[in-house]
Protein backbone atom coordinates (compact mmCIF):
# COMPACT_ATOMS: atom_id res chain seq x y z
CA UNK A 1 -3.32 -30.91 -17.62
CA UNK A 2 -5.80 -28.11 -18.51
CA UNK A 3 -4.09 -25.17 -19.90
CA UNK A 4 -5.46 -21.94 -21.21
CA UNK A 5 -3.46 -19.68 -23.80
CA UNK A 6 -4.00 -15.69 -23.67
CA UNK A 7 -2.21 -12.85 -24.49
CA UNK A 8 -1.89 -9.15 -25.16
CA UNK A 9 -4.44 -8.14 -22.58
CA UNK A 10 -3.58 -4.96 -22.59
CA UNK A 11 -5.39 -3.59 -19.24
CA UNK A 12 -5.59 0.02 -18.74
CA UNK A 13 -6.24 0.27 -23.15
CA UNK A 14 -8.64 3.13 -24.03
CA UNK A 15 -10.46 3.07 -27.40
CA UNK A 16 -9.67 6.20 -29.08
CA UNK A 17 -9.83 8.10 -25.89
CA UNK A 18 -12.90 6.21 -24.23
CA UNK A 19 -11.44 4.11 -21.32
CA UNK A 20 -11.85 0.53 -21.50
CA UNK A 21 -11.60 -0.42 -18.17
CA UNK A 22 -15.11 -1.51 -17.50
CA UNK A 23 -15.64 -3.87 -20.10
CA UNK A 24 -12.37 -5.40 -18.95
CA UNK A 25 -13.25 -5.78 -15.74
CA UNK A 26 -16.11 -7.90 -16.93
CA UNK A 27 -14.15 -9.80 -19.42
CA UNK A 28 -12.12 -10.61 -16.41
CA UNK A 29 -15.03 -12.24 -14.43
CA UNK A 30 -15.45 -14.30 -17.45
CA UNK A 31 -11.94 -15.45 -17.36
CA UNK A 32 -12.27 -16.63 -14.09
CA UNK A 33 -15.65 -17.89 -14.28
CA UNK A 34 -13.88 -19.81 -17.05
CA UNK A 35 -11.05 -21.13 -15.06
CA UNK A 36 -13.57 -22.34 -12.70
CA UNK A 37 -15.42 -24.03 -14.95
CA UNK A 38 -13.11 -25.94 -17.03
CA UNK A 39 -11.12 -26.95 -13.80
CA UNK A 40 -8.01 -25.55 -15.46
CA UNK A 41 -4.74 -25.90 -14.24
CA UNK A 42 -2.56 -23.28 -15.53
CA UNK A 43 -3.18 -19.62 -17.20
CA UNK A 44 -0.83 -18.44 -19.46
CA UNK A 45 -0.65 -14.84 -20.33
CA UNK A 46 1.95 -14.52 -22.98
CA UNK A 47 3.00 -10.70 -23.32
CA UNK A 48 1.54 -7.42 -22.86
CA UNK A 49 -0.18 -7.39 -19.65
CA UNK A 50 -0.38 -3.68 -19.57
CA UNK A 51 -0.94 -1.46 -22.33
CA UNK A 52 1.51 1.17 -20.92
CA UNK A 53 5.04 0.94 -19.06
CA UNK A 54 3.11 2.91 -16.42
CA UNK A 55 -0.01 1.90 -15.71
CA UNK A 56 -2.75 3.31 -13.64
CA UNK A 57 -3.51 2.64 -10.15
CA UNK A 58 -7.00 1.26 -11.26
CA UNK A 59 -5.24 -0.76 -13.95
CA UNK A 60 -2.82 -2.36 -11.64
CA UNK A 61 -5.37 -2.98 -8.68
CA UNK A 62 -7.32 -4.76 -11.37
CA UNK A 63 -4.66 -7.18 -12.50
CA UNK A 64 -4.07 -7.53 -8.60
CA UNK A 65 -7.48 -8.75 -7.97
CA UNK A 66 -7.76 -10.77 -10.76
CA UNK A 67 -4.68 -12.75 -10.17
CA UNK A 68 -5.77 -13.17 -6.65
CA UNK A 69 -9.16 -14.59 -7.91
CA UNK A 70 -7.10 -16.82 -10.09
CA UNK A 71 -4.79 -18.50 -7.47
CA UNK A 72 -7.94 -18.87 -5.48
CA UNK A 73 -9.59 -20.85 -8.32
CA UNK A 74 -6.81 -23.39 -7.87
CA UNK A 75 -4.87 -22.17 -10.97
CA UNK A 76 -1.69 -21.10 -11.88
CA UNK A 77 -0.38 -18.19 -13.74
CA UNK A 78 2.38 -17.76 -16.05
CA UNK A 79 2.94 -14.60 -17.76
CA UNK A 80 5.84 -13.20 -19.53
CA UNK A 81 6.75 -8.85 -20.36
CA UNK A 82 5.72 -7.81 -23.78
CA UNK A 83 6.56 -4.56 -25.85
CA UNK A 84 3.98 -2.49 -23.93
CA UNK A 85 5.02 -3.86 -20.40
CA UNK A 86 8.12 -2.59 -18.21
CA UNK A 87 10.14 -5.66 -17.85
CA UNK A 88 11.08 -4.44 -14.26
CA UNK A 89 8.07 -3.04 -12.93
CA UNK A 90 6.20 -6.20 -13.75
CA UNK A 91 8.73 -8.17 -12.68
CA UNK A 92 8.57 -6.74 -9.14
CA UNK A 93 8.41 -9.32 -6.09
CA UNK A 94 8.28 -12.28 -8.75
CA UNK A 95 10.16 -14.31 -6.39
CA UNK A 96 7.25 -13.88 -3.59
CA UNK A 97 4.51 -14.06 -6.11
CA UNK A 98 6.02 -17.54 -7.35
CA UNK A 99 5.29 -18.82 -3.67
CA UNK A 100 1.50 -18.42 -4.60
CA UNK A 101 1.51 -19.77 -8.08
CA UNK A 102 2.29 -16.91 -10.11
CA UNK A 103 5.30 -16.95 -12.00
CA UNK A 104 6.60 -14.03 -14.03
CA UNK A 105 8.90 -13.96 -16.59
CA UNK A 106 10.63 -10.72 -17.12
CA UNK A 107 14.68 -11.01 -17.89
CA UNK A 108 16.78 -12.35 -20.34
CA UNK A 109 18.42 -14.31 -17.29
CA UNK A 110 15.68 -16.51 -17.36
CA UNK A 111 15.25 -17.74 -20.31
CA UNK A 112 15.65 -21.38 -20.91
CA UNK A 113 14.72 -22.19 -16.84
CA UNK A 114 11.68 -23.60 -16.94
CA UNK A 115 8.30 -23.51 -14.46
CA UNK A 116 7.81 -27.07 -13.69
CA UNK A 117 3.70 -27.70 -13.15
CA UNK A 118 2.57 -31.27 -12.70
CA UNK A 119 -0.82 -31.69 -12.23
CA UNK A 120 -3.74 -34.59 -13.28
CA UNK A 121 -0.68 -36.58 -13.96
CA UNK A 122 1.33 -34.85 -16.44
CA UNK A 123 4.22 -32.79 -15.76
CA UNK A 124 5.00 -29.76 -17.92
CA UNK A 125 7.96 -27.75 -18.54
CA UNK A 126 7.19 -24.28 -19.12
CA UNK A 127 9.61 -21.98 -20.75
CA UNK A 128 8.91 -18.16 -20.87
CA UNK A 129 10.67 -15.86 -23.15
CA UNK A 130 9.64 -12.16 -22.41
CA UNK A 131 9.94 -9.45 -25.40
CA UNK A 132 13.72 -9.17 -25.78
CA UNK A 133 15.17 -6.11 -27.49
CA UNK A 134 17.45 -7.20 -29.99
CA UNK A 135 20.88 -5.22 -29.85
CA UNK A 136 21.30 -5.47 -26.21
CA UNK A 137 20.58 -8.71 -25.91
CA UNK A 138 22.51 -9.55 -28.71
CA UNK A 139 25.38 -7.68 -27.12
CA UNK A 140 24.91 -9.68 -24.09
CA UNK A 141 24.28 -13.28 -25.92
CA UNK A 142 27.01 -12.50 -28.68
CA UNK A 143 24.37 -13.16 -31.89
CA UNK A 144 22.86 -11.41 -34.38
CA UNK A 145 21.28 -8.05 -33.20
CA UNK A 146 17.85 -9.33 -34.93
CA UNK A 147 14.61 -10.73 -33.45
CA UNK A 148 15.34 -14.28 -35.07
CA UNK A 149 19.03 -13.81 -33.85
CA UNK A 150 17.91 -13.45 -30.07
CA UNK A 151 14.96 -15.77 -30.28
CA UNK A 152 17.25 -18.46 -32.07
CA UNK A 153 19.37 -18.34 -29.18
CA UNK A 154 16.64 -18.19 -26.44
CA UNK A 155 15.58 -21.53 -28.37
CA UNK A 156 18.74 -23.09 -28.41
CA UNK A 157 19.10 -22.47 -24.57
CA UNK A 158 15.65 -23.82 -24.03
CA UNK A 159 16.47 -27.10 -26.06
CA UNK A 160 19.58 -27.60 -24.22
CA UNK A 161 17.80 -27.53 -20.93
CA UNK A 162 14.93 -29.69 -22.06
CA UNK A 163 16.53 -32.40 -22.82
CA UNK A 164 17.94 -32.51 -19.47
CA UNK A 165 14.43 -33.11 -18.00
CA UNK A 166 11.81 -35.83 -17.76
CA UNK A 167 8.73 -34.32 -18.71
CA UNK A 168 5.71 -35.12 -20.32
CA UNK A 169 5.75 -31.99 -22.47
CA UNK A 170 7.40 -28.52 -22.87
CA UNK A 171 5.45 -24.99 -23.43
CA UNK A 172 7.28 -21.94 -24.59
CA UNK A 173 5.77 -18.17 -24.14
CA UNK A 174 7.33 -15.76 -26.90
CA UNK A 175 5.94 -11.99 -27.62
CA UNK A 176 7.11 -12.28 -31.09
CA UNK A 177 5.81 -11.34 -35.03
CA UNK A 178 5.78 -15.05 -36.53
CA UNK A 179 6.28 -15.65 -40.30
CA UNK A 180 2.96 -16.34 -41.56
CA UNK A 181 0.58 -14.77 -39.66
CA UNK A 182 -1.63 -11.61 -40.15
CA UNK A 183 -0.96 -8.20 -37.94
CA UNK A 184 -3.69 -5.60 -37.09
CA UNK A 185 -3.37 -2.67 -36.89
CA UNK A 186 -3.55 -1.28 -33.06
CA UNK A 187 -0.04 -3.68 -32.54
CA UNK A 188 3.58 -1.49 -31.75
CA UNK A 189 5.84 -1.72 -34.31
CA UNK A 190 8.40 -3.97 -33.08
CA UNK A 191 10.83 -4.28 -36.58
CA UNK A 192 14.55 -3.30 -36.26
CA UNK A 193 16.11 -2.51 -39.34
CA UNK A 194 13.25 -3.16 -41.49
CA UNK A 195 13.08 -7.14 -40.38
CA UNK A 196 10.67 -8.17 -37.58
CA UNK A 197 9.67 -11.36 -38.75
CA UNK A 198 10.68 -14.85 -37.16
CA UNK A 199 10.15 -18.33 -38.82
CA UNK A 200 8.14 -20.31 -37.22
CA UNK A 201 10.16 -23.23 -37.28
CA UNK A 202 11.99 -21.63 -34.41
CA UNK A 203 9.78 -23.02 -32.05
CA UNK A 204 9.20 -26.76 -33.73
CA UNK A 205 11.11 -28.53 -31.01
CA UNK A 206 8.49 -27.49 -28.49
CA UNK A 207 5.13 -29.15 -27.74
CA UNK A 208 3.62 -26.03 -27.90
CA UNK A 209 4.44 -22.53 -28.33
CA UNK A 210 2.00 -19.74 -27.00
CA UNK A 211 2.74 -16.61 -28.66
CA UNK A 212 1.66 -13.13 -28.48
CA UNK A 213 2.07 -10.01 -29.69
CA UNK A 214 -0.32 -10.24 -32.71
CA UNK A 215 -4.18 -9.51 -31.61
CA UNK A 216 -5.68 -11.55 -34.06
CA UNK A 217 -6.70 -15.38 -32.48
CA UNK A 218 -4.57 -17.38 -35.30
CA UNK A 219 -2.88 -21.00 -36.04
CA UNK A 220 0.48 -20.53 -37.44
CA UNK A 221 1.03 -24.12 -37.44
CA UNK A 222 -0.77 -26.99 -35.54
CA UNK A 223 1.42 -26.47 -32.63
CA UNK A 224 2.36 -22.49 -32.73
CA UNK A 225 -0.49 -20.36 -32.25
CA UNK A 226 -1.48 -16.92 -31.16
CA UNK A 227 -4.43 -16.69 -29.11
CA UNK A 228 -5.14 -12.51 -29.86
CA UNK A 229 -5.84 -9.55 -27.79
CA UNK A 230 -8.60 -9.82 -25.33
CA UNK A 231 -10.46 -6.91 -27.27
CA UNK A 232 -10.71 -5.61 -30.48
CA UNK A 233 -8.35 -2.39 -30.17
CA UNK A 234 -8.74 -0.87 -34.01
CA UNK A 235 -11.78 -1.42 -36.53
CA UNK A 236 -9.17 -3.59 -38.71
CA UNK A 237 -10.12 -6.14 -36.00
CA UNK A 238 -14.19 -5.50 -36.11
CA UNK A 239 -14.74 -9.11 -37.85
CA UNK A 240 -12.12 -10.74 -35.25
CA UNK A 241 -13.45 -13.81 -33.39
CA UNK A 242 -11.69 -12.53 -30.00
CA UNK A 243 -10.86 -15.48 -27.72
CA UNK A 244 -8.45 -18.09 -26.15
CA UNK A 245 -6.88 -21.50 -26.88
CA UNK A 246 -7.65 -24.58 -24.15
CA UNK A 247 -4.74 -27.17 -24.20
CA UNK A 248 -5.13 -30.79 -22.78
CA UNK A 249 -2.35 -32.97 -22.56
CA UNK A 250 -1.98 -36.61 -21.35
CA UNK A 251 0.54 -38.45 -19.95
CA UNK A 252 2.73 -38.83 -22.60
CA UNK A 253 2.46 -35.46 -24.16
CA UNK A 254 -0.07 -36.01 -26.15
CA UNK A 255 -1.99 -32.49 -27.09
CA UNK A 256 -5.40 -31.51 -27.93
CA UNK A 257 -6.06 -27.86 -28.58
CA UNK A 258 -10.19 -26.39 -28.19
CA UNK A 259 -11.37 -23.26 -29.21
CA UNK A 260 -13.10 -20.42 -26.79
CA UNK A 261 -14.53 -17.35 -27.47
CA UNK A 262 -15.03 -14.59 -24.98
CA UNK A 263 -18.59 -13.76 -24.32
CA UNK A 264 -17.68 -9.83 -23.17
CA UNK A 265 -16.73 -7.90 -26.30
CA UNK A 266 -16.24 -4.72 -28.17
CA UNK A 267 -18.64 -4.52 -31.09
CA UNK A 268 -17.14 -2.72 -33.25
CA UNK A 269 -18.19 -1.23 -37.37
CA UNK A 270 -17.61 1.26 -39.99
CA UNK A 271 -19.91 2.48 -41.49
CA UNK A 272 -20.40 4.60 -44.77
CA UNK A 273 -23.25 6.46 -46.43
CA UNK A 274 -25.39 9.85 -46.30
CA UNK A 275 -26.07 11.19 -42.65
CA UNK A 276 -29.84 10.39 -43.59
CA UNK A 277 -29.16 6.88 -44.49
CA UNK A 278 -26.87 6.90 -40.72
CA UNK A 279 -29.28 7.67 -39.04
CA UNK A 280 -31.97 5.39 -40.42
CA UNK A 281 -33.68 3.50 -37.58
CA UNK A 282 -32.58 -0.16 -38.79
CA UNK A 283 -28.78 1.13 -38.40
CA UNK A 284 -29.45 2.88 -35.25
CA UNK A 285 -30.87 -0.49 -33.60
CA UNK A 286 -28.36 -1.99 -34.96
CA UNK A 287 -25.13 -0.20 -34.14
CA UNK A 288 -26.88 2.29 -31.53
CA UNK A 289 -24.14 0.80 -28.88
CA UNK A 290 -21.66 -0.39 -30.80
CA UNK A 291 -18.21 1.24 -31.33
CA UNK A 292 -18.74 3.25 -34.99
CA UNK A 293 -16.32 4.71 -37.58
CA UNK A 294 -18.67 6.71 -39.97
CA UNK A 295 -17.76 8.33 -43.26
CA UNK A 296 -20.10 10.43 -44.55
CA UNK A 297 -20.94 10.44 -48.26
CA UNK A 298 -23.27 13.66 -48.72
CA UNK A 299 -22.38 15.69 -51.61
CA UNK A 300 -22.53 18.90 -49.08
CA UNK A 301 -21.13 18.70 -45.58
CA UNK A 302 -23.96 18.51 -43.27
CA UNK A 303 -23.59 20.88 -40.58
CA UNK A 304 -23.69 19.95 -37.14
CA UNK A 305 -23.51 16.19 -38.44
CA UNK A 306 -21.33 14.56 -35.19
CA UNK A 307 -23.47 16.24 -33.05
CA UNK A 308 -26.45 14.59 -34.64
CA UNK A 309 -25.06 11.27 -34.69
CA UNK A 310 -23.67 11.52 -31.14
CA UNK A 311 -27.16 12.05 -30.35
CA UNK A 312 -28.31 8.25 -31.76
CA UNK A 313 -25.03 6.53 -31.48
CA UNK A 314 -23.31 5.99 -28.10
CA UNK A 315 -20.05 5.52 -29.17
CA UNK A 316 -18.55 7.75 -32.56
CA UNK A 317 -14.81 6.96 -32.62
CA UNK A 318 -14.46 8.23 -36.08
CA UNK A 319 -15.97 10.93 -38.55
CA UNK A 320 -14.37 11.27 -41.96
CA UNK A 321 -16.20 13.16 -44.92
CA UNK A 322 -15.88 12.03 -48.61
CA UNK A 323 -18.21 13.66 -50.53
CA UNK A 324 -20.01 11.80 -53.32
CA UNK A 325 -21.55 14.05 -56.52
CA UNK A 326 -19.51 17.53 -55.55
CA UNK A 327 -18.19 19.02 -58.25
CA UNK A 328 -14.36 19.25 -59.38
CA UNK A 329 -14.35 22.79 -58.85
CA UNK A 330 -15.10 22.57 -55.21
CA UNK A 331 -11.98 20.73 -54.17
CA UNK A 332 -9.13 23.01 -53.31
CA UNK A 333 -7.05 23.67 -50.96
CA UNK A 334 -7.67 26.53 -48.12
CA UNK A 335 -3.98 27.30 -48.67
CA UNK A 336 -5.11 29.72 -51.27
CA UNK A 337 -8.23 31.05 -49.46
CA UNK A 338 -5.37 32.79 -47.52
CA UNK A 339 -4.05 34.95 -50.38
CA UNK A 340 -7.71 37.11 -49.91
CA UNK A 341 -7.73 40.12 -48.67
CA UNK A 342 -10.14 41.11 -46.82
CA UNK A 343 -11.20 38.90 -43.50
CA UNK A 344 -14.78 38.04 -44.98
CA UNK A 345 -13.22 36.35 -47.87
CA UNK A 346 -11.13 34.23 -46.08
CA UNK A 347 -14.00 33.08 -44.13
CA UNK A 348 -16.02 32.83 -46.50
CA UNK A 349 -13.20 30.85 -48.69
CA UNK A 350 -12.41 28.40 -45.53
CA UNK A 351 -16.78 27.89 -45.50
CA UNK A 352 -16.81 26.87 -49.20
CA UNK A 353 -13.58 24.43 -48.32
CA UNK A 354 -15.18 23.00 -45.29
CA UNK A 355 -18.88 22.92 -46.31
CA UNK A 356 -18.20 22.27 -50.07
CA UNK A 357 -20.34 25.14 -50.75
CA UNK A 358 -20.76 29.21 -51.08
CA UNK A 359 -21.77 30.91 -48.71
CA UNK A 360 -25.76 31.79 -49.39
CA UNK A 361 -26.66 36.09 -49.17
CA UNK A 362 -28.05 35.63 -45.54
CA UNK A 363 -24.98 33.85 -44.04
CA UNK A 364 -22.91 36.43 -46.24
CA UNK A 365 -24.74 39.17 -44.45
CA UNK A 366 -24.43 37.36 -41.18
CA UNK A 367 -21.25 37.01 -41.27
CA UNK A 368 -20.63 40.81 -42.08
CA UNK A 369 -22.48 41.87 -39.33
CA UNK A 370 -20.45 39.15 -36.45
CA UNK A 371 -17.35 40.46 -37.98
CA UNK A 372 -18.22 44.16 -37.86
CA UNK A 373 -19.10 43.69 -34.36
CA UNK A 374 -15.76 42.27 -33.61
CA UNK A 375 -13.47 44.73 -35.08
CA UNK A 376 -15.61 47.52 -33.00
CA UNK A 377 -15.30 45.45 -29.80
CA UNK A 378 -11.57 44.60 -30.74
CA UNK A 379 -11.21 48.37 -31.52
CA UNK A 380 -12.86 49.33 -28.39
CA UNK A 381 -10.39 47.39 -26.06
């Protein structure tokens, strides 16, 4: 049996206000092609199918089209709800969808009940553990109100059921923060009482555990892994190798895991230097199409810097200023400028605070002219 471990699709996500719908559509095309080319029997989605609890119409339609194409390609799909998903919305129609080969696990009542699949002479029990909010689940299950507490009970139920099954392997899907893994900036905090991590040993009884939630693709143990998010969603992920894990399970339960990297990707880059350096042909050629975070180090803040950068970089997502070599006396709080008596002095102080220098004589004269015009017009009204 051949299985693809994915997670954290975050359909409907934007990057600093820029919609990622088009690039996500391209990645869905690549996913379907991969399933067909590699003859994959099962596709796993370990939570956070959507980025929002109430996804937009175009986002739901994209997921619907993708599921249809995957089932037409002859694969089964197993998905659990993550902390970004609305479990009720994602789970709507799950009984009907299961007949078509799409199995959704979104309720704590489904924990411990496997989806049984046979392919290539191999039988596997898939156990989904959707994101479990500790406090309400702990009250129902009688466990400690922590992620570790409820997941330990979930695994106890899974192991109890597994003991009754005659299958070659068992695979667990879970959405959590396993100890020893590396987080990114783009994940939503799921800590409860300051404790969010769960020990990886909780999953040791499973043949393989397909984790979701952390966006970096990584191996916690040989059999406990994160596939990571489909795309990079923060500049902390600019060096991530986004992809998935392909599992091959042979009769008897022997497992082998291979790496796959997505060809469809967002190119992110953090740049630092003067405006002149940022506008150099080399930087523009190399990063002009990338999503960039730029920190300008000019001693004096350049006028209309953002406009100049946007003329050469398609996606300027962040712009910071860190003047190098500026005099210490130039660094002051604008709040102090508000104690000035005249409006022109306040404007001059604000200009100095923002640009790191005082107004020139010509600029002061122009400012005085503008303010006088505004005063006259205001009085006329």
